Amino acid sequence: TFCQNNNIPHTFCEHIGLAKYACNDIRVNI
């Protein structure tokens, strides 16, 4: 669930770069 900031300081999308804006536990992703 991406309930944090939706502004990504990058030119393209990355896995952890996107996941870190989630409000869930992302240890599985890491």
Full PDB file with SEQRES, HELIX, SHEET, SSBOND, CRYST1, ORIGX, SCALE, CONECT and MASTER records, all heavy atoms in Angstrom:
SEQRES   1 A   30  THR PHE CYS GLN ASN ASN ASN ILE PRO HIS THR PHE CYS          
SEQRES   2 A   30  GLU HIS ILE GLY LEU ALA LYS TYR ALA CYS ASN ASP ILE          
SEQRES   3 A   30  ARG VAL ASN ILE                                              
HELIX    1 AA1 HIS A   15  ALA A   19  1                                   5    
SSBOND   1 CYS A    3    CYS A   23                          1555   1555  1.58  
CRYST1    1.000    1.000    1.000  90.00  90.00  90.00 P 1           1          
ORIGX1      1.000000  0.000000  0.000000        0.00000                         
ORIGX2      0.000000  1.000000  0.000000        0.00000                         
ORIGX3      0.000000  0.000000  1.000000        0.00000                         
SCALE1      1.000000  0.000000  0.000000        0.00000                         
SCALE2      0.000000  1.000000  0.000000        0.00000                         
SCALE3      0.000000  0.000000  1.000000        0.00000                         
ATOM      1  N   THR A   1       0.855  -1.183   0.000  1.00  0.00           N  
ATOM      2  CA  THR A   1       0.000   0.000   0.000  1.00  0.00           C  
ATOM      3  C   THR A   1       0.892   1.234   0.000  1.00  0.00           C  
ATOM      4  O   THR A   1       1.646   1.468   0.954  1.00  0.00           O  
ATOM      5  CB  THR A   1      -0.912   0.016   1.238  1.00  0.00           C  
ATOM      6  OG1 THR A   1      -1.722  -1.155   1.241  1.00  0.00           O  
ATOM      7  CG2 THR A   1      -1.807   1.254   1.215  1.00  0.00           C  
ATOM      8  N   PHE A   2       0.823   2.014  -1.054  1.00  0.00           N  
ATOM      9  CA  PHE A   2       1.708   3.172  -1.215  1.00  0.00           C  
ATOM     10  C   PHE A   2       0.987   4.423  -0.702  1.00  0.00           C  
ATOM     11  O   PHE A   2       0.383   5.173  -1.468  1.00  0.00           O  
ATOM     12  CB  PHE A   2       2.112   3.337  -2.684  1.00  0.00           C  
ATOM     13  CG  PHE A   2       2.883   2.162  -3.219  1.00  0.00           C  
ATOM     14  CD1 PHE A   2       2.228   1.153  -3.928  1.00  0.00           C  
ATOM     15  CD2 PHE A   2       4.246   2.057  -3.016  1.00  0.00           C  
ATOM     16  CE1 PHE A   2       2.932   0.063  -4.417  1.00  0.00           C  
ATOM     17  CE2 PHE A   2       4.964   0.971  -3.501  1.00  0.00           C  
ATOM     18  CZ  PHE A   2       4.301  -0.029  -4.195  1.00  0.00           C  
ATOM     19  N   CYS A   3       1.047   4.628   0.602  1.00  0.00           N  
ATOM     20  CA  CYS A   3       0.332   5.752   1.193  1.00  0.00           C  
ATOM     21  C   CYS A   3       1.268   6.884   1.596  1.00  0.00           C  
ATOM     22  O   CYS A   3       0.836   7.883   2.158  1.00  0.00           O  
ATOM     23  CB  CYS A   3      -0.471   5.286   2.408  1.00  0.00           C  
ATOM     24  SG  CYS A   3       0.558   4.608   3.716  1.00  0.00           S  
ATOM     25  N   GLN A   4       2.554   6.735   1.323  1.00  0.00           N  
ATOM     26  CA  GLN A   4       3.493   7.804   1.625  1.00  0.00           C  
ATOM     27  C   GLN A   4       3.641   8.720   0.403  1.00  0.00           C  
ATOM     28  O   GLN A   4       2.781   8.764  -0.464  1.00  0.00           O  
ATOM     29  CB  GLN A   4       4.849   7.217   2.042  1.00  0.00           C  
ATOM     30  CG  GLN A   4       4.784   6.362   3.312  1.00  0.00           C  
ATOM     31  CD  GLN A   4       6.157   6.031   3.842  1.00  0.00           C  
ATOM     32  OE1 GLN A   4       7.007   6.903   4.004  1.00  0.00           O  
ATOM     33  NE2 GLN A   4       6.381   4.754   4.126  1.00  0.00           N  
ATOM     34  N   ASN A   5       4.749   9.418   0.333  1.00  0.00           N  
ATOM     35  CA  ASN A   5       5.016  10.346  -0.753  1.00  0.00           C  
ATOM     36  C   ASN A   5       5.009   9.623  -2.100  1.00  0.00           C  
ATOM     37  O   ASN A   5       5.537   8.518  -2.224  1.00  0.00           O  
ATOM     38  CB  ASN A   5       6.388  11.004  -0.521  1.00  0.00           C  
ATOM     39  CG  ASN A   5       6.678  12.100  -1.510  1.00  0.00           C  
ATOM     40  OD1 ASN A   5       5.815  12.508  -2.284  1.00  0.00           O  
ATOM     41  ND2 ASN A   5       7.908  12.581  -1.495  1.00  0.00           N  
ATOM     42  N   ASN A   6       4.390  10.221  -3.115  1.00  0.00           N  
ATOM     43  CA  ASN A   6       4.361   9.599  -4.439  1.00  0.00           C  
ATOM     44  C   ASN A   6       5.287  10.309  -5.426  1.00  0.00           C  
ATOM     45  O   ASN A   6       5.146  10.155  -6.636  1.00  0.00           O  
ATOM     46  CB  ASN A   6       2.935   9.548  -4.995  1.00  0.00           C  
ATOM     47  CG  ASN A   6       2.376  10.931  -5.271  1.00  0.00           C  
ATOM     48  OD1 ASN A   6       2.819  11.922  -4.702  1.00  0.00           O  
ATOM     49  ND2 ASN A   6       1.370  10.978  -6.139  1.00  0.00           N  
ATOM     50  N   ASN A   7       6.229  11.091  -4.909  1.00  0.00           N  
ATOM     51  CA  ASN A   7       7.233  11.747  -5.748  1.00  0.00           C  
ATOM     52  C   ASN A   7       8.533  10.949  -5.685  1.00  0.00           C  
ATOM     53  O   ASN A   7       9.137  10.818  -4.613  1.00  0.00           O  
ATOM     54  CB  ASN A   7       7.491  13.182  -5.284  1.00  0.00           C  
ATOM     55  CG  ASN A   7       6.270  14.069  -5.503  1.00  0.00           C  
ATOM     56  OD1 ASN A   7       5.565  13.946  -6.497  1.00  0.00           O  
ATOM     57  ND2 ASN A   7       6.020  14.962  -4.548  1.00  0.00           N  
ATOM     58  N   ILE A   8       8.954  10.403  -6.823  1.00  0.00           N  
ATOM     59  CA  ILE A   8      10.147   9.556  -6.881  1.00  0.00           C  
ATOM     60  C   ILE A   8      11.304  10.359  -7.480  1.00  0.00           C  
ATOM     61  O   ILE A   8      11.242  10.741  -8.651  1.00  0.00           O  
ATOM     62  CB  ILE A   8       9.893   8.290  -7.734  1.00  0.00           C  
ATOM     63  CG1 ILE A   8       8.705   7.500  -7.166  1.00  0.00           C  
ATOM     64  CG2 ILE A   8      11.134   7.420  -7.793  1.00  0.00           C  
ATOM     65  CD1 ILE A   8       8.313   6.303  -8.008  1.00  0.00           C  
ATOM     66  N   PRO A   9      12.344  10.623  -6.713  1.00  0.00           N  
ATOM     67  CA  PRO A   9      13.476  11.405  -7.236  1.00  0.00           C  
ATOM     68  C   PRO A   9      14.385  10.552  -8.116  1.00  0.00           C  
ATOM     69  O   PRO A   9      15.487  10.159  -7.712  1.00  0.00           O  
ATOM     70  CB  PRO A   9      14.183  11.862  -5.948  1.00  0.00           C  
ATOM     71  CG  PRO A   9      13.888  10.786  -4.959  1.00  0.00           C  
ATOM     72  CD  PRO A   9      12.516  10.273  -5.290  1.00  0.00           C  
ATOM     73  N   HIS A  10      13.929  10.290  -9.310  1.00  0.00           N  
ATOM     74  CA  HIS A  10      14.705   9.456 -10.241  1.00  0.00           C  
ATOM     75  C   HIS A  10      14.172   9.659 -11.648  1.00  0.00           C  
ATOM     76  O   HIS A  10      13.137  10.304 -11.853  1.00  0.00           O  
ATOM     77  CB  HIS A  10      14.610   7.980  -9.846  1.00  0.00           C  
ATOM     78  CG  HIS A  10      15.876   7.218 -10.090  1.00  0.00           C  
ATOM     79  ND1 HIS A  10      16.528   7.213 -11.310  1.00  0.00           N  
ATOM     80  CD2 HIS A  10      16.610   6.418  -9.272  1.00  0.00           C  
ATOM     81  CE1 HIS A  10      17.606   6.457 -11.223  1.00  0.00           C  
ATOM     82  NE2 HIS A  10      17.694   5.968  -9.997  1.00  0.00           N  
ATOM     83  N   THR A  11      14.895   9.088 -12.632  1.00  0.00           N  
ATOM     84  CA  THR A  11      14.442   9.165 -14.021  1.00  0.00           C  
ATOM     85  C   THR A  11      13.739   7.890 -14.465  1.00  0.00           C  
ATOM     86  O   THR A  11      13.133   7.860 -15.532  1.00  0.00           O  
ATOM     87  CB  THR A  11      15.635   9.430 -14.961  1.00  0.00           C  
ATOM     88  OG1 THR A  11      16.612   8.399 -14.780  1.00  0.00           O  
ATOM     89  CG2 THR A  11      16.269  10.777 -14.671  1.00  0.00           C  
ATOM     90  N   PHE A  12      13.845   6.839 -13.659  1.00  0.00           N  
ATOM     91  CA  PHE A  12      13.143   5.586 -13.970  1.00  0.00           C  
ATOM     92  C   PHE A  12      12.807   4.861 -12.675  1.00  0.00           C  
ATOM     93  O   PHE A  12      13.271   5.231 -11.593  1.00  0.00           O  
ATOM     94  CB  PHE A  12      13.977   4.688 -14.902  1.00  0.00           C  
ATOM     95  CG  PHE A  12      15.352   4.350 -14.388  1.00  0.00           C  
ATOM     96  CD1 PHE A  12      15.554   3.280 -13.515  1.00  0.00           C  
ATOM     97  CD2 PHE A  12      16.457   5.086 -14.787  1.00  0.00           C  
ATOM     98  CE1 PHE A  12      16.818   2.961 -13.050  1.00  0.00           C  
ATOM     99  CE2 PHE A  12      17.733   4.785 -14.337  1.00  0.00           C  
ATOM    100  CZ  PHE A  12      17.916   3.716 -13.461  1.00  0.00           C  
ATOM    101  N   CYS A  13      11.975   3.822 -12.788  1.00  0.00           N  
ATOM    102  CA  CYS A  13      11.483   3.104 -11.609  1.00  0.00           C  
ATOM    103  C   CYS A  13      12.414   1.948 -11.240  1.00  0.00           C  
ATOM    104  O   CYS A  13      12.887   1.222 -12.110  1.00  0.00           O  
ATOM    105  CB  CYS A  13      10.080   2.565 -11.866  1.00  0.00           C  
ATOM    106  SG  CYS A  13       8.829   3.852 -12.115  1.00  0.00           S  
ATOM    107  N   GLU A  14      12.640   1.799  -9.939  1.00  0.00           N  
ATOM    108  CA  GLU A  14      13.425   0.695  -9.399  1.00  0.00           C  
ATOM    109  C   GLU A  14      12.589  -0.061  -8.370  1.00  0.00           C  
ATOM    110  O   GLU A  14      11.600   0.458  -7.866  1.00  0.00           O  
ATOM    111  CB  GLU A  14      14.697   1.212  -8.729  1.00  0.00           C  
ATOM    112  CG  GLU A  14      15.682   1.898  -9.658  1.00  0.00           C  
ATOM    113  CD  GLU A  14      16.895   2.399  -8.903  1.00  0.00           C  
ATOM    114  OE1 GLU A  14      16.714   3.141  -7.911  1.00  0.00           O  
ATOM    115  OE2 GLU A  14      18.007   2.045  -9.295  1.00  0.00           O  
ATOM    116  N   HIS A  15      13.036  -1.275  -8.053  1.00  0.00           N  
ATOM    117  CA  HIS A  15      12.304  -2.118  -7.112  1.00  0.00           C  
ATOM    118  C   HIS A  15      12.240  -1.470  -5.723  1.00  0.00           C  
ATOM    119  O   HIS A  15      11.173  -1.052  -5.266  1.00  0.00           O  
ATOM    120  CB  HIS A  15      12.977  -3.497  -7.042  1.00  0.00           C  
ATOM    121  CG  HIS A  15      12.414  -4.384  -5.976  1.00  0.00           C  
ATOM    122  ND1 HIS A  15      13.122  -5.394  -5.377  1.00  0.00           N  
ATOM    123  CD2 HIS A  15      11.193  -4.389  -5.368  1.00  0.00           C  
ATOM    124  CE1 HIS A  15      12.375  -5.996  -4.478  1.00  0.00           C  
ATOM    125  NE2 HIS A  15      11.195  -5.410  -4.449  1.00  0.00           N  
ATOM    126  N   ILE A  16      13.389  -1.360  -5.045  1.00  0.00           N  
ATOM    127  CA  ILE A  16      13.399  -0.803  -3.697  1.00  0.00           C  
ATOM    128  C   ILE A  16      13.106   0.691  -3.725  1.00  0.00           C  
ATOM    129  O   ILE A  16      12.508   1.242  -2.795  1.00  0.00           O  
ATOM    130  CB  ILE A  16      14.751  -1.082  -3.007  1.00  0.00           C  
ATOM    131  CG1 ILE A  16      14.986  -2.600  -2.917  1.00  0.00           C  
ATOM    132  CG2 ILE A  16      14.786  -0.473  -1.619  1.00  0.00           C  
ATOM    133  CD1 ILE A  16      13.910  -3.354  -2.157  1.00  0.00           C  
ATOM    134  N   GLY A  17      13.495   1.347  -4.814  1.00  0.00           N  
ATOM    135  CA  GLY A  17      13.189   2.767  -4.953  1.00  0.00           C  
ATOM    136  C   GLY A  17      11.706   3.042  -4.920  1.00  0.00           C  
ATOM    137  O   GLY A  17      11.265   4.105  -4.466  1.00  0.00           O  
ATOM    138  N   LEU A  18      10.903   2.091  -5.386  1.00  0.00           N  
ATOM    139  CA  LEU A  18       9.446   2.206  -5.329  1.00  0.00           C  
ATOM    140  C   LEU A  18       8.896   1.650  -4.022  1.00  0.00           C  
ATOM    141  O   LEU A  18       8.011   2.252  -3.397  1.00  0.00           O  
ATOM    142  CB  LEU A  18       8.825   1.466  -6.521  1.00  0.00           C  
ATOM    143  CG  LEU A  18       7.301   1.438  -6.619  1.00  0.00           C  
ATOM    144  CD1 LEU A  18       6.726   2.850  -6.735  1.00  0.00           C  
ATOM    145  CD2 LEU A  18       6.855   0.588  -7.815  1.00  0.00           C  
ATOM    146  N   ALA A  19       9.433   0.514  -3.588  1.00  0.00           N  
ATOM    147  CA  ALA A  19       8.909  -0.158  -2.394  1.00  0.00           C  
ATOM    148  C   ALA A  19       9.062   0.682  -1.134  1.00  0.00           C  
ATOM    149  O   ALA A  19       8.246   0.580  -0.209  1.00  0.00           O  
ATOM    150  CB  ALA A  19       9.608  -1.509  -2.212  1.00  0.00           C  
ATOM    151  N   LYS A  20      10.094   1.532  -1.078  1.00  0.00           N  
ATOM    152  CA  LYS A  20      10.325   2.303   0.150  1.00  0.00           C  
ATOM    153  C   LYS A  20       9.241   3.343   0.409  1.00  0.00           C  
ATOM    154  O   LYS A  20       9.165   3.901   1.503  1.00  0.00           O  
ATOM    155  CB  LYS A  20      11.694   2.971   0.102  1.00  0.00           C  
ATOM    156  CG  LYS A  20      11.817   4.108  -0.891  1.00  0.00           C  
ATOM    157  CD  LYS A  20      13.234   4.680  -0.873  1.00  0.00           C  
ATOM    158  CE  LYS A  20      13.377   5.856  -1.827  1.00  0.00           C  
ATOM    159  NZ  LYS A  20      14.762   6.406  -1.810  1.00  0.00           N  
ATOM    160  N   TYR A  21       8.368   3.589  -0.556  1.00  0.00           N  
ATOM    161  CA  TYR A  21       7.257   4.523  -0.359  1.00  0.00           C  
ATOM    162  C   TYR A  21       6.003   3.811   0.143  1.00  0.00           C  
ATOM    163  O   TYR A  21       4.948   4.431   0.267  1.00  0.00           O  
ATOM    164  CB  TYR A  21       6.958   5.269  -1.655  1.00  0.00           C  
ATOM    165  CG  TYR A  21       8.059   6.227  -2.035  1.00  0.00           C  
ATOM    166  CD1 TYR A  21       8.932   5.922  -3.063  1.00  0.00           C  
ATOM    167  CD2 TYR A  21       8.234   7.421  -1.355  1.00  0.00           C  
ATOM    168  CE1 TYR A  21       9.960   6.780  -3.408  1.00  0.00           C  
ATOM    169  CE2 TYR A  21       9.260   8.287  -1.685  1.00  0.00           C  
ATOM    170  CZ  TYR A  21      10.124   7.960  -2.709  1.00  0.00           C  
ATOM    171  OH  TYR A  21      11.143   8.808  -3.027  1.00  0.00           O  
ATOM    172  N   ALA A  22       6.131   2.511   0.423  1.00  0.00           N  
ATOM    173  CA  ALA A  22       4.992   1.763   0.944  1.00  0.00           C  
ATOM    174  C   ALA A  22       4.900   1.924   2.456  1.00  0.00           C  
ATOM    175  O   ALA A  22       5.877   2.240   3.133  1.00  0.00           O  
ATOM    176  CB  ALA A  22       5.137   0.284   0.596  1.00  0.00           C  
ATOM    177  N   CYS A  23       3.708   1.708   2.971  1.00  0.00           N  
ATOM    178  CA  CYS A  23       3.494   1.773   4.415  1.00  0.00           C  
ATOM    179  C   CYS A  23       3.571   0.390   5.050  1.00  0.00           C  
ATOM    180  O   CYS A  23       3.410   0.243   6.260  1.00  0.00           O  
ATOM    181  CB  CYS A  23       2.131   2.383   4.711  1.00  0.00           C  
ATOM    182  SG  CYS A  23       1.993   4.088   4.127  1.00  0.00           S  
ATOM    183  N   ASN A  24       3.793  -0.626   4.243  1.00  0.00           N  
ATOM    184  CA  ASN A  24       3.882  -1.989   4.744  1.00  0.00           C  
ATOM    185  C   ASN A  24       5.324  -2.330   5.117  1.00  0.00           C  
ATOM    186  O   ASN A  24       6.251  -1.585   4.860  1.00  0.00           O  
ATOM    187  CB  ASN A  24       3.392  -2.989   3.691  1.00  0.00           C  
ATOM    188  CG  ASN A  24       2.099  -2.565   3.041  1.00  0.00           C  
ATOM    189  OD1 ASN A  24       2.106  -1.679   2.195  1.00  0.00           O  
ATOM    190  ND2 ASN A  24       1.008  -3.204   3.411  1.00  0.00           N  
ATOM    191  N   ASP A  25       5.475  -3.511   5.699  1.00  0.00           N  
ATOM    192  CA  ASP A  25       6.792  -4.063   5.976  1.00  0.00           C  
ATOM    193  C   ASP A  25       7.364  -4.584   4.652  1.00  0.00           C  
ATOM    194  O   ASP A  25       6.747  -5.425   3.990  1.00  0.00           O  
ATOM    195  CB  ASP A  25       6.647  -5.210   6.990  1.00  0.00           C  
ATOM    196  CG  ASP A  25       7.986  -5.703   7.506  1.00  0.00           C  
ATOM    197  OD1 ASP A  25       8.955  -5.714   6.724  1.00  0.00           O  
ATOM    198  OD2 ASP A  25       8.046  -6.076   8.687  1.00  0.00           O  
ATOM    199  N   ILE A  26       8.538  -4.096   4.265  1.00  0.00           N  
ATOM    200  CA  ILE A  26       9.107  -4.490   2.964  1.00  0.00           C  
ATOM    201  C   ILE A  26      10.341  -5.370   3.121  1.00  0.00           C  
ATOM    202  O   ILE A  26      11.156  -5.485   2.199  1.00  0.00           O  
ATOM    203  CB  ILE A  26       9.450  -3.258   2.101  1.00  0.00           C  
ATOM    204  CG1 ILE A  26      10.543  -2.418   2.774  1.00  0.00           C  
ATOM    205  CG2 ILE A  26       8.208  -2.431   1.823  1.00  0.00           C  
ATOM    206  CD1 ILE A  26      11.122  -1.348   1.849  1.00  0.00           C  
ATOM    207  N   ARG A  27      10.485  -6.020   4.275  1.00  0.00           N  
ATOM    208  CA  ARG A  27      11.646  -6.889   4.455  1.00  0.00           C  
ATOM    209  C   ARG A  27      11.685  -8.021   3.437  1.00  0.00           C  
ATOM    210  O   ARG A  27      12.756  -8.410   2.987  1.00  0.00           O  
ATOM    211  CB  ARG A  27      11.672  -7.447   5.880  1.00  0.00           C  
ATOM    212  CG  ARG A  27      12.351  -6.511   6.878  1.00  0.00           C  
ATOM    213  CD  ARG A  27      12.308  -7.047   8.281  1.00  0.00           C  
ATOM    214  NE  ARG A  27      10.951  -6.973   8.843  1.00  0.00           N  
ATOM    215  CZ  ARG A  27      10.682  -7.126  10.129  1.00  0.00           C  
ATOM    216  NH1 ARG A  27      11.668  -7.355  10.978  1.00  0.00           N  
ATOM    217  NH2 ARG A  27       9.451  -7.045  10.575  1.00  0.00           N  
ATOM    218  N   VAL A  28      10.515  -8.540   3.071  1.00  0.00           N  
ATOM    219  CA  VAL A  28      10.483  -9.608   2.062  1.00  0.00           C  
ATOM    220  C   VAL A  28      11.044  -9.083   0.739  1.00  0.00           C  
ATOM    221  O   VAL A  28      11.809  -9.777   0.056  1.00  0.00           O  
ATOM    222  CB  VAL A  28       9.040 -10.124   1.861  1.00  0.00           C  
ATOM    223  CG1 VAL A  28       9.002 -11.150   0.731  1.00  0.00           C  
ATOM    224  CG2 VAL A  28       8.524 -10.745   3.154  1.00  0.00           C  
ATOM    225  N   ASN A  29      10.671  -7.866   0.362  1.00  0.00           N  
ATOM    226  CA  ASN A  29      11.196  -7.262  -0.862  1.00  0.00           C  
ATOM    227  C   ASN A  29      12.710  -7.127  -0.812  1.00  0.00           C  
ATOM    228  O   ASN A  29      13.416  -7.420  -1.795  1.00  0.00           O  
ATOM    229  CB  ASN A  29      10.569  -5.885  -1.090  1.00  0.00           C  
ATOM    230  CG  ASN A  29       9.082  -5.945  -1.332  1.00  0.00           C  
ATOM    231  OD1 ASN A  29       8.315  -6.260  -0.425  1.00  0.00           O  
ATOM    232  ND2 ASN A  29       8.649  -5.644  -2.549  1.00  0.00           N  
ATOM    233  N   ILE A  30      13.221  -6.681   0.351  1.00  0.00           N  
ATOM    234  CA  ILE A  30      14.662  -6.477   0.492  1.00  0.00           C  
ATOM    235  C   ILE A  30      15.415  -7.801   0.392  1.00  0.00           C  
ATOM    236  O   ILE A  30      16.401  -7.925  -0.351  1.00  0.00           O  
ATOM    237  CB  ILE A  30      14.979  -5.774   1.828  1.00  0.00           C  
ATOM    238  CG1 ILE A  30      14.424  -4.346   1.810  1.00  0.00           C  
ATOM    239  CG2 ILE A  30      16.473  -5.764   2.113  1.00  0.00           C  
ATOM    240  CD1 ILE A  30      14.539  -3.619   3.139  1.00  0.00           C  
TER     241      ILE A  30                                                      
CONECT   24  182                                                                
CONECT  182   24                                                                
MASTER        0    0    0    1    0    0    0    6  240    1    2    3          
END                                                                             
